Amino acid sequence: MKIKCPKCKEDADLSPDFSFVKCGSCDLDMSYGEYVKFVAHNQATYSDILGDYAGSTEGQTAGSLDEWD
């Protein structure tokens, strides 16, 4: 599956089992979990994803990367 590379914005490949993301343009190679963290941390549009994974409830802040683990 093709997804947008968070570093160079070109097409990157997401493995069929969602285990890794690779970009041939900039040599990005990371797990899907690392990709989600990277995108959520670096793009404000997706920052609320952190709240979903950190267990925040509605009305609370979205969380931070420290709460992710």
N, C-alpha and C. Protein backbone atom coordinates (compact mmCIF):
# COMPACT_ATOMS: atom_id res chain seq x y z
N MET A 1 0.86 -1.17 0.00
CA MET A 1 0.00 0.00 0.00
C MET A 1 0.91 1.23 0.00
N LYS A 2 0.52 2.24 -0.73
CA LYS A 2 1.27 3.49 -0.80
C LYS A 2 0.72 4.47 0.24
N ILE A 3 1.65 5.08 0.99
CA ILE A 3 1.30 6.14 1.94
C ILE A 3 2.30 7.27 1.74
N LYS A 4 2.04 8.42 2.32
CA LYS A 4 2.92 9.56 2.17
C LYS A 4 4.08 9.47 3.16
N CYS A 5 5.29 9.63 2.65
CA CYS A 5 6.48 9.62 3.50
C CYS A 5 6.47 10.88 4.36
N PRO A 6 6.65 10.74 5.67
CA PRO A 6 6.61 11.92 6.53
C PRO A 6 7.85 12.80 6.41
N LYS A 7 8.91 12.28 5.82
CA LYS A 7 10.14 13.07 5.68
C LYS A 7 10.19 13.83 4.36
N CYS A 8 10.02 13.11 3.23
CA CYS A 8 10.19 13.76 1.93
C CYS A 8 8.87 14.01 1.19
N LYS A 9 7.77 13.51 1.73
CA LYS A 9 6.42 13.69 1.17
C LYS A 9 6.18 12.92 -0.13
N GLU A 10 7.10 12.05 -0.52
CA GLU A 10 6.91 11.19 -1.69
C GLU A 10 6.13 9.95 -1.27
N ASP A 11 5.85 9.07 -2.22
CA ASP A 11 5.16 7.81 -1.90
C ASP A 11 6.10 6.86 -1.16
N ALA A 12 5.60 6.29 -0.09
CA ALA A 12 6.32 5.27 0.66
C ALA A 12 5.46 4.01 0.65
N ASP A 13 6.09 2.88 0.91
CA ASP A 13 5.38 1.60 0.92
C ASP A 13 5.09 1.15 2.34
N LEU A 14 3.84 0.82 2.59
CA LEU A 14 3.42 0.22 3.86
C LEU A 14 3.25 -1.26 3.59
N SER A 15 3.93 -2.09 4.38
CA SER A 15 3.87 -3.53 4.15
C SER A 15 2.43 -4.03 4.32
N PRO A 16 2.08 -5.11 3.63
CA PRO A 16 0.72 -5.65 3.70
C PRO A 16 0.27 -6.02 5.11
N ASP A 17 1.24 -6.38 5.97
CA ASP A 17 0.89 -6.75 7.35
C ASP A 17 1.04 -5.58 8.33
N PHE A 18 1.22 -4.36 7.79
CA PHE A 18 1.35 -3.14 8.59
C PHE A 18 2.52 -3.20 9.57
N SER A 19 3.59 -3.90 9.21
CA SER A 19 4.72 -4.02 10.14
C SER A 19 5.80 -2.97 9.91
N PHE A 20 5.93 -2.44 8.68
CA PHE A 20 6.97 -1.45 8.43
C PHE A 20 6.58 -0.51 7.30
N VAL A 21 7.30 0.62 7.25
CA VAL A 21 7.14 1.63 6.21
C VAL A 21 8.51 1.88 5.61
N LYS A 22 8.60 1.85 4.28
CA LYS A 22 9.85 2.12 3.58
C LYS A 22 9.62 3.13 2.47
N CYS A 23 10.56 4.05 2.34
CA CYS A 23 10.51 5.05 1.27
C CYS A 23 11.79 4.91 0.43
N GLY A 24 11.62 4.73 -0.86
CA GLY A 24 12.76 4.62 -1.75
C GLY A 24 13.40 5.96 -2.07
N SER A 25 12.67 7.04 -1.89
CA SER A 25 13.20 8.37 -2.22
C SER A 25 14.19 8.89 -1.19
N CYS A 26 13.92 8.65 0.09
CA CYS A 26 14.81 9.19 1.14
C CYS A 26 15.34 8.10 2.05
N ASP A 27 15.13 6.84 1.71
CA ASP A 27 15.63 5.70 2.49
C ASP A 27 15.02 5.59 3.88
N LEU A 28 13.84 6.15 4.09
CA LEU A 28 13.12 5.96 5.35
C LEU A 28 12.82 4.48 5.50
N ASP A 29 13.06 3.95 6.68
CA ASP A 29 12.78 2.54 6.97
C ASP A 29 12.48 2.44 8.46
N MET A 30 11.21 2.28 8.81
CA MET A 30 10.83 2.22 10.22
C MET A 30 9.60 1.34 10.38
N SER A 31 9.36 0.93 11.62
CA SER A 31 8.16 0.15 11.90
C SER A 31 6.94 1.06 11.76
N TYR A 32 5.78 0.44 11.60
CA TYR A 32 4.56 1.24 11.48
C TYR A 32 4.29 2.02 12.76
N GLY A 33 4.57 1.43 13.91
CA GLY A 33 4.40 2.14 15.18
C GLY A 33 5.27 3.37 15.25
N GLU A 34 6.52 3.26 14.81
CA GLU A 34 7.42 4.41 14.79
C GLU A 34 6.91 5.47 13.81
N TYR A 35 6.36 5.01 12.69
CA TYR A 35 5.79 5.92 11.69
C TYR A 35 4.64 6.73 12.30
N VAL A 36 3.74 6.05 13.00
CA VAL A 36 2.60 6.74 13.62
C VAL A 36 3.10 7.77 14.63
N LYS A 37 4.05 7.39 15.46
CA LYS A 37 4.63 8.34 16.44
C LYS A 37 5.25 9.53 15.74
N PHE A 38 6.02 9.27 14.69
CA PHE A 38 6.70 10.33 13.96
C PHE A 38 5.70 11.31 13.37
N VAL A 39 4.68 10.80 12.71
CA VAL A 39 3.65 11.65 12.09
C VAL A 39 2.89 12.42 13.16
N ALA A 40 2.49 11.76 14.22
CA ALA A 40 1.71 12.42 15.28
C ALA A 40 2.53 13.50 15.97
N HIS A 41 3.81 13.26 16.13
CA HIS A 41 4.66 14.24 16.82
C HIS A 41 5.01 15.42 15.93
N ASN A 42 5.15 15.19 14.63
CA ASN A 42 5.64 16.23 13.73
C ASN A 42 4.58 16.95 12.92
N GLN A 43 3.36 16.48 12.94
CA GLN A 43 2.29 17.14 12.20
C GLN A 43 1.13 17.42 13.13
N ALA A 44 0.89 18.70 13.37
CA ALA A 44 -0.15 19.10 14.32
C ALA A 44 -1.51 18.53 14.00
N THR A 45 -1.80 18.32 12.73
CA THR A 45 -3.09 17.78 12.31
C THR A 45 -3.36 16.43 12.97
N TYR A 46 -2.31 15.67 13.20
CA TYR A 46 -2.47 14.32 13.72
C TYR A 46 -2.09 14.19 15.19
N SER A 47 -1.84 15.29 15.88
CA SER A 47 -1.37 15.22 17.26
C SER A 47 -2.36 14.54 18.20
N ASP A 48 -3.65 14.55 17.87
CA ASP A 48 -4.63 13.90 18.74
C ASP A 48 -4.54 12.38 18.68
N ILE A 49 -3.79 11.84 17.72
CA ILE A 49 -3.56 10.40 17.68
C ILE A 49 -2.87 9.95 18.96
N LEU A 50 -1.97 10.79 19.47
CA LEU A 50 -1.25 10.43 20.70
C LEU A 50 -2.23 10.19 21.84
N GLY A 51 -3.28 10.98 21.91
CA GLY A 51 -4.27 10.79 22.96
C GLY A 51 -4.96 9.45 22.86
N ASP A 52 -5.22 9.00 21.65
CA ASP A 52 -5.85 7.70 21.45
C ASP A 52 -4.98 6.58 21.98
N TYR A 53 -3.68 6.67 21.74
CA TYR A 53 -2.77 5.61 22.17
C TYR A 53 -2.33 5.76 23.62
N ALA A 54 -2.39 6.98 24.16
CA ALA A 54 -1.97 7.21 25.54
C ALA A 54 -3.12 6.97 26.52
N GLY A 55 -4.32 6.78 26.01
CA GLY A 55 -5.45 6.48 26.86
C GLY A 55 -6.18 7.70 27.38
N SER A 56 -5.96 8.85 26.79
CA SER A 56 -6.66 10.05 27.23
C SER A 56 -8.15 9.91 26.94
N THR A 57 -8.95 10.60 27.72
CA THR A 57 -10.38 10.60 27.48
C THR A 57 -10.80 11.94 26.92
N GLU A 58 -12.01 12.00 26.45
CA GLU A 58 -12.51 13.24 25.86
C GLU A 58 -12.43 14.36 26.89
N GLY A 59 -12.02 15.53 26.41
CA GLY A 59 -11.91 16.69 27.29
C GLY A 59 -10.54 16.85 27.90
N GLN A 60 -9.68 15.87 27.70
CA GLN A 60 -8.32 15.98 28.20
C GLN A 60 -7.39 16.29 27.05
N THR A 61 -6.16 16.69 27.39
CA THR A 61 -5.19 16.97 26.34
C THR A 61 -4.82 15.68 25.63
N ALA A 62 -4.27 15.81 24.45
CA ALA A 62 -3.96 14.66 23.63
C ALA A 62 -2.80 13.83 24.14
N GLY A 63 -1.99 14.36 25.02
CA GLY A 63 -0.87 13.59 25.54
C GLY A 63 0.43 14.02 24.89
N SER A 64 1.45 13.26 25.17
CA SER A 64 2.77 13.55 24.63
C SER A 64 3.45 12.25 24.30
N LEU A 65 4.60 12.34 23.67
CA LEU A 65 5.35 11.13 23.35
C LEU A 65 5.80 10.41 24.62
N ASP A 66 6.00 11.14 25.71
CA ASP A 66 6.39 10.51 26.98
C ASP A 66 5.32 9.56 27.49
N GLU A 67 4.05 9.89 27.23
CA GLU A 67 2.94 9.05 27.69
C GLU A 67 2.72 7.85 26.79
N TRP A 68 3.34 7.85 25.62
CA TRP A 68 3.13 6.80 24.62
C TRP A 68 3.55 5.45 25.13
N ASP A 69 4.70 5.36 25.77
CA ASP A 69 5.27 4.08 26.17
C ASP A 69 4.54 3.50 27.30
